[in-house]
Protein backbone atom coordinates (compact mmCIF):
# COMPACT_ATOMS: atom_id res chain seq x y z
CA MET A 1 14.75 6.96 -8.74
CA LEU A 2 12.92 8.34 -5.71
CA ASP A 3 15.02 10.22 -3.20
CA TYR A 4 15.80 7.96 -0.22
CA ARG A 5 14.17 10.54 2.07
CA MET A 6 10.91 10.02 0.18
CA GLU A 7 11.01 6.34 1.11
CA THR A 8 11.30 7.42 4.75
CA PHE A 9 8.35 9.76 4.29
CA LEU A 10 6.18 7.04 2.70
CA SER A 11 7.01 4.59 5.44
CA LEU A 12 6.18 7.11 8.18
CA CYS A 13 2.84 7.86 6.50
CA GLU A 14 2.01 4.14 6.54
CA THR A 15 3.33 3.19 10.00
CA LYS A 16 2.53 6.52 11.74
CA SER A 17 5.49 5.73 13.99
CA TYR A 18 9.08 7.02 13.92
CA THR A 19 10.19 3.91 15.82
CA LYS A 20 8.52 1.47 13.39
CA THR A 21 9.81 3.41 10.38
CA ALA A 22 13.36 3.35 11.71
CA LYS A 23 13.12 -0.41 12.29
CA LYS A 24 11.56 -1.08 8.89
CA LEU A 25 14.19 0.91 6.98
CA HIS A 26 17.12 -0.06 9.23
CA LEU A 27 17.72 3.55 10.23
CA THR A 28 18.18 5.30 13.54
CA GLN A 29 15.22 7.31 14.83
CA PRO A 30 17.20 10.60 14.61
CA SER A 31 17.84 9.80 10.92
CA VAL A 32 14.10 9.44 10.31
CA THR A 33 13.51 12.79 12.02
CA GLN A 34 16.25 14.39 9.94
CA HIS A 35 14.77 13.09 6.67
CA ILE A 36 11.32 14.47 7.52
CA LYS A 37 12.71 17.84 8.56
CA TYR A 38 14.64 18.06 5.28
CA LEU A 39 11.47 17.43 3.26
CA GLU A 40 9.48 19.98 5.30
CA GLN A 41 12.18 22.58 4.68
CA PHE A 42 12.36 21.69 0.98
CA TYR A 43 8.58 21.93 0.46
CA GLN A 44 8.16 24.80 2.94
CA CYS A 45 5.28 23.19 4.80
CA GLU A 46 4.51 20.88 7.70
CA LEU A 47 3.92 17.29 6.64
CA PHE A 48 2.89 15.86 10.02
CA HIS A 49 1.20 17.06 13.17
CA TYR A 50 1.36 15.38 16.55
CA ASP A 51 -1.41 14.71 19.06
CA GLY A 52 0.38 13.30 22.08
CA ARG A 53 2.12 10.19 20.76
CA GLN A 54 -0.07 10.00 17.66
CA THR A 55 1.55 10.99 14.35
CA GLU A 56 -0.88 12.17 11.65
CA MET A 57 -0.39 13.62 8.17
CA THR A 58 -1.30 17.24 7.56
CA LYS A 59 -3.30 18.22 4.48
CA ALA A 60 -0.01 18.89 2.68
CA GLY A 61 1.35 15.55 3.91
CA LYS A 62 -1.65 13.66 2.51
CA TYR A 63 -1.24 15.41 -0.85
CA LEU A 64 2.47 14.58 -1.00
CA TYR A 65 1.78 10.99 0.06
CA ASP A 66 -0.72 10.41 -2.77
CA LYS A 67 1.57 11.95 -5.38
CA THR A 68 4.68 10.14 -4.15
CA ARG A 69 2.90 6.78 -4.08
CA ALA A 70 1.90 7.36 -7.70
CA LEU A 71 5.51 8.14 -8.59
CA ARG A 72 6.70 4.99 -6.81
CA VAL A 73 4.27 2.86 -8.84
CA GLN A 74 5.53 4.42 -12.06
CA GLU A 75 9.15 3.94 -11.00
CA MET A 76 8.60 0.25 -10.32
CA GLU A 77 6.84 -0.03 -13.66
CA ILE A 78 9.78 1.62 -15.44
CA GLN A 79 12.20 -0.83 -13.79
CA SER A 80 10.07 -3.74 -14.95
CA ARG A 81 9.78 -2.34 -18.50
CA LEU A 82 13.54 -1.80 -18.73
CA ARG A 83 14.18 -5.43 -17.75
CA GLY A 84 11.58 -6.41 -20.32
CA LEU A 85 13.64 -4.86 -23.11
CA TYR A 86 15.96 -7.86 -22.83
CA GLU A 87 13.51 -10.53 -21.68
CA GLU A 88 9.77 -10.96 -22.01
CA LEU A 89 8.27 -10.51 -18.55
CA PRO A 90 4.74 -11.78 -17.94
CA LEU A 91 2.14 -9.70 -16.13
CA ARG A 92 1.97 -10.51 -12.42
CA ILE A 93 -1.70 -11.21 -11.71
CA GLY A 94 -3.11 -12.07 -8.31
CA ILE A 95 -6.33 -14.01 -7.80
CA THR A 96 -8.22 -14.88 -4.65
CA PRO A 97 -8.96 -18.49 -3.59
CA THR A 98 -12.63 -17.78 -4.33
CA VAL A 99 -11.96 -16.57 -7.89
CA ALA A 100 -9.67 -19.57 -8.40
CA ARG A 101 -12.74 -21.81 -8.03
CA THR A 102 -14.93 -19.95 -10.54
CA PRO A 103 -15.16 -20.61 -14.31
CA LEU A 104 -13.06 -17.46 -14.79
CA ILE A 105 -9.98 -19.50 -13.87
CA GLU A 106 -10.11 -21.22 -17.27
CA SER A 107 -9.51 -17.91 -19.07
CA LEU A 108 -6.81 -16.87 -16.61
CA CYS A 109 -4.92 -20.15 -16.85
CA GLY A 110 -5.14 -19.95 -20.63
CA CYS A 111 -2.91 -16.88 -20.42
CA VAL A 112 -0.17 -18.90 -18.70
CA ARG A 113 0.54 -20.88 -21.87
CA LYS A 114 3.72 -19.97 -23.73
CA ASP A 115 1.78 -19.22 -26.92
CA ALA A 116 -0.78 -16.96 -25.19
CA PRO A 117 -1.05 -13.42 -26.64
CA ILE A 118 -0.85 -12.00 -23.09
CA ALA A 119 1.61 -13.80 -20.82
CA VAL A 120 0.79 -13.86 -17.11
CA ASN A 121 2.06 -15.32 -13.87
CA LEU A 122 -0.68 -16.15 -11.37
CA SER A 123 -0.44 -16.03 -7.60
CA VAL A 124 -3.21 -16.95 -5.16
CA SER A 125 -3.78 -15.07 -1.90
CA ASN A 126 -6.63 -13.40 -0.06
CA THR A 127 -7.99 -9.95 -0.88
CA ALA A 128 -6.11 -8.13 1.90
CA THR A 129 -2.77 -9.58 0.78
CA GLN A 130 -3.44 -8.75 -2.85
CA MET A 131 -4.33 -5.13 -2.09
CA SER A 132 -1.09 -4.79 -0.15
CA GLN A 133 0.93 -6.36 -2.98
CA LEU A 134 -0.67 -4.02 -5.52
CA GLN A 135 0.24 -0.99 -3.40
CA GLU A 136 3.81 -2.29 -3.01
CA CYS A 137 4.06 -2.85 -6.79
CA GLN A 138 4.50 -6.60 -6.35
CA LEU A 139 1.49 -7.25 -8.60
CA ASP A 140 0.42 -5.62 -11.86
CA ALA A 141 -3.26 -6.40 -11.30
CA ALA A 142 -5.59 -8.52 -9.19
CA VAL A 143 -8.86 -10.30 -9.86
CA LEU A 144 -10.93 -10.41 -6.71
CA GLU A 145 -14.41 -10.31 -5.25
CA GLY A 146 -15.51 -7.25 -3.32
CA ASP A 147 -17.77 -4.25 -3.24
CA ALA A 148 -15.67 -1.33 -1.96
CA PHE A 149 -12.14 -0.04 -2.42
CA CYS A 150 -11.15 2.84 -0.15
CA ASP A 151 -7.71 3.57 -1.61
CA THR A 152 -7.90 6.52 -4.02
CA GLN A 153 -4.93 5.12 -5.97
CA ILE A 154 -6.87 1.94 -6.82
CA GLU A 155 -8.84 1.48 -10.04
CA ALA A 156 -11.46 -1.28 -9.84
CA HIS A 157 -13.09 -2.40 -13.10
CA PRO A 158 -16.15 -4.68 -12.70
CA LEU A 159 -15.95 -7.90 -14.71
CA TYR A 160 -19.21 -9.58 -13.77
CA GLN A 161 -21.64 -10.22 -10.93
CA GLU A 162 -22.31 -13.52 -9.25
CA ARG A 163 -25.00 -14.72 -6.88
CA LEU A 164 -24.11 -15.34 -3.24
CA ILE A 165 -25.74 -18.38 -1.70
CA ILE A 166 -25.82 -20.04 1.70
CA ALA A 167 -25.15 -23.78 1.58
CA ALA A 168 -25.50 -26.69 4.00
CA ASN A 169 -25.90 -30.44 3.77
CA PRO A 170 -29.22 -31.50 2.17
CA GLN A 171 -30.96 -32.39 5.44
CA LEU A 172 -30.14 -29.09 7.15
CA ALA A 173 -30.87 -27.06 3.99
CA ARG A 174 -34.38 -28.51 3.86
CA GLN A 175 -34.94 -27.81 7.55
CA LEU A 176 -33.95 -24.17 7.00
CA TYR A 177 -36.00 -23.67 3.81
CA GLY A 178 -37.62 -20.21 3.84
CA CYS A 179 -36.09 -19.29 7.19
CA THR A 180 -35.35 -15.75 8.41
CA TRP A 181 -31.92 -14.42 9.37
CA GLN A 182 -32.99 -14.62 13.00
CA GLN A 183 -33.47 -18.36 12.52
CA MET A 184 -30.28 -18.68 10.47
CA ILE A 185 -28.05 -17.30 13.24
CA ARG A 186 -28.96 -20.27 15.43
CA GLN A 187 -26.63 -22.32 13.20
CA PRO A 188 -22.81 -22.48 13.35
CA LEU A 189 -21.25 -20.29 10.63
CA LEU A 190 -18.13 -21.36 8.73
CA LEU A 191 -16.07 -18.37 7.59
CA PRO A 192 -12.99 -17.90 5.38
CA ASP A 193 -9.93 -16.19 6.88
CA PRO A 194 -10.14 -12.50 7.97
CA GLY A 195 -8.39 -11.23 4.83
CA SER A 196 -11.04 -12.70 2.53
CA GLY A 197 -13.14 -10.43 0.32
CA LEU A 198 -16.08 -12.83 0.63
CA ARG A 199 -15.94 -12.52 4.42
CA THR A 200 -16.01 -8.70 4.18
CA ILE A 201 -19.00 -8.81 1.82
CA LEU A 202 -20.91 -11.11 4.17
CA GLN A 203 -20.16 -8.92 7.19
CA LYS A 204 -21.44 -5.85 5.35
CA ARG A 205 -24.66 -7.69 4.37
CA LEU A 206 -25.23 -8.80 7.95
CA ARG A 207 -24.63 -5.34 9.39
CA SER A 208 -27.22 -3.91 7.02
CA ARG A 209 -29.68 -6.15 8.88
CA GLY A 210 -28.39 -5.21 12.33
CA LEU A 211 -26.45 -8.47 12.73
CA ASP A 212 -22.80 -9.50 12.96
CA PHE A 213 -20.77 -12.69 13.09
CA HIS A 214 -20.90 -12.85 16.89
CA ASP A 215 -24.71 -13.22 16.68
CA PHE A 216 -24.35 -16.73 15.27
CA LYS A 217 -24.45 -19.75 17.55
CA ARG A 218 -20.79 -20.40 16.78
CA VAL A 219 -18.26 -19.07 14.26
CA TRP A 220 -15.47 -21.22 12.83
CA ASN A 221 -12.66 -19.62 10.83
CA VAL A 222 -11.59 -22.20 8.26
CA ASN A 223 -8.98 -21.32 5.64
CA SER A 224 -9.38 -24.54 3.63
CA TYR A 225 -12.13 -24.93 1.05
CA ASP A 226 -12.00 -28.74 1.26
CA VAL A 227 -12.36 -28.65 5.05
CA VAL A 228 -15.36 -26.29 4.80
CA ILE A 229 -17.07 -28.64 2.33
CA GLU A 230 -16.47 -31.67 4.54
CA LEU A 231 -17.72 -29.89 7.68
CA LEU A 232 -20.85 -28.83 5.82
CA ARG A 233 -21.35 -32.34 4.45
CA GLN A 234 -21.27 -33.65 8.02
CA GLY A 235 -23.95 -31.13 9.06
CA GLN A 236 -21.64 -28.87 11.06
CA GLY A 237 -23.24 -25.55 10.06
CA VAL A 238 -23.71 -23.22 7.10
CA ALA A 239 -21.38 -21.21 4.86
CA VAL A 240 -21.66 -18.52 2.17
CA PHE A 241 -20.27 -19.07 -1.34
CA MET A 242 -20.28 -17.53 -4.77
CA GLU A 243 -22.66 -19.92 -6.49
CA SER A 244 -20.34 -21.13 -9.25
CA THR A 245 -17.66 -22.23 -6.76
CA ILE A 246 -19.75 -25.14 -5.42
CA GLN A 247 -21.57 -26.27 -8.58
CA ARG A 248 -19.92 -29.69 -8.41
CA GLU A 249 -21.09 -30.26 -4.81
CA LEU A 250 -24.60 -29.03 -5.63
CA LYS A 251 -24.92 -31.28 -8.68
CA ALA A 252 -23.66 -34.27 -6.67
CA HIS A 253 -26.22 -33.43 -3.94
CA LYS A 254 -23.48 -33.29 -1.31
CA LEU A 255 -24.67 -29.78 -0.48
CA GLU A 256 -27.83 -27.81 -1.13
CA ARG A 257 -28.65 -24.13 -1.25
CA VAL A 258 -30.43 -22.73 1.81
CA TYR A 259 -33.34 -20.60 0.60
CA LEU A 260 -34.00 -17.58 2.81
CA GLU A 261 -37.19 -15.55 2.83
CA THR A 262 -35.16 -12.56 1.57
CA ASN A 263 -34.12 -11.82 -2.03
CA SER A 264 -30.86 -13.09 -3.52
CA ALA A 265 -27.65 -11.18 -2.87
CA PHE A 266 -24.90 -10.63 -5.45
CA CYS A 267 -21.23 -9.71 -5.35
CA THR A 268 -19.02 -8.26 -8.07
CA VAL A 269 -15.72 -9.68 -9.32
CA TYR A 270 -13.28 -6.86 -10.15
CA PHE A 271 -10.14 -6.40 -12.21
CA VAL A 272 -8.05 -4.13 -9.97
CA THR A 273 -4.99 -2.04 -10.86
CA MET A 274 -3.13 0.96 -9.52
CA ARG A 275 -4.52 4.18 -11.01
CA SER A 276 -1.09 5.75 -11.50
CA ARG A 277 0.38 3.15 -13.86
CA ALA A 278 1.81 4.74 -17.00
CA GLU A 279 1.50 1.63 -19.20
CA GLN A 280 -2.02 0.19 -19.28
CA GLN A 281 -2.32 -1.38 -22.74
CA GLU A 282 -1.56 -5.00 -21.81
CA LEU A 283 -3.68 -4.79 -18.68
CA THR A 284 -6.59 -3.36 -20.65
CA MET A 285 -6.27 -6.22 -23.14
CA LEU A 286 -6.31 -8.76 -20.32
CA GLN A 287 -9.31 -7.08 -18.71
CA GLU A 288 -11.23 -7.24 -21.99
CA HIS A 289 -10.19 -10.87 -22.44
CA LEU A 290 -11.74 -11.74 -19.07
CA LYS A 291 -14.93 -9.69 -19.46
CA PRO A 292 -16.89 -12.07 -21.73
CA HIS A 293 -17.19 -14.48 -18.79
CA GLN A 294 -20.82 -15.56 -18.60
CA GLU A 295 -22.78 -13.55 -16.09
CA ILE A 296 -25.06 -15.20 -13.56
CA GLU A 297 -28.70 -14.54 -14.33
CA LYS A 298 -30.49 -12.38 -11.77
């Protein structure tokens, strides 16, 4: 079990505020200060430096933070494994709303059955929430779309790539056929919520062309897939999807792909875990089970 002062240290690293740490851990601010001073005396080094009111980790503090986070992941894993000695606990797997609409969901839901060789519990939330839950050991793994993971404690294993497409109702899609991005931004853009991996991918693609969301005629943040589809069907703008997620609408001719003059873009779906987990066998089996998913032809 991690020393309670280590929990104070981890919280201060993440909040960068003695006041916020005290509130989060239900401590007094002097207690937080005392815990940090104890650790600095124990390790014989400064863990934080201060620039005015800004609290930043020193080089030693960053090293201790990475190592302690790894230990916390392993501790939570040990707790789970010990409970599992008396009851079979399924893997806690997070998926994004986008992944939940791809053919991959069939394989994932197959693991929920009682007779499945790898038992899982699925939870659906956006990429930002899932990354936070992984770091807090509330998930064993996540399946999500993305193209960059900054946390050094994260291991991201690519499962497959999928084409990104822009879609609109048939009439608007035909009007925009072969258009440039400069012409595209004259349309309203429908976006998923700010924590979405798909939104982050799109923003990165736009910035590579010197554009951003604010360049569009109008931007609507819509956190409901059904609402996005209906708005598009009524000609209220354009939206970006992973191609497989709107196959039904494309086949029914409710929506059509907007063909740009530029080449197709792709995004990768990842199987994401914490690097410091001690037990990886079941997760590796699940990852391999998901990998045969049919790739989109380039």
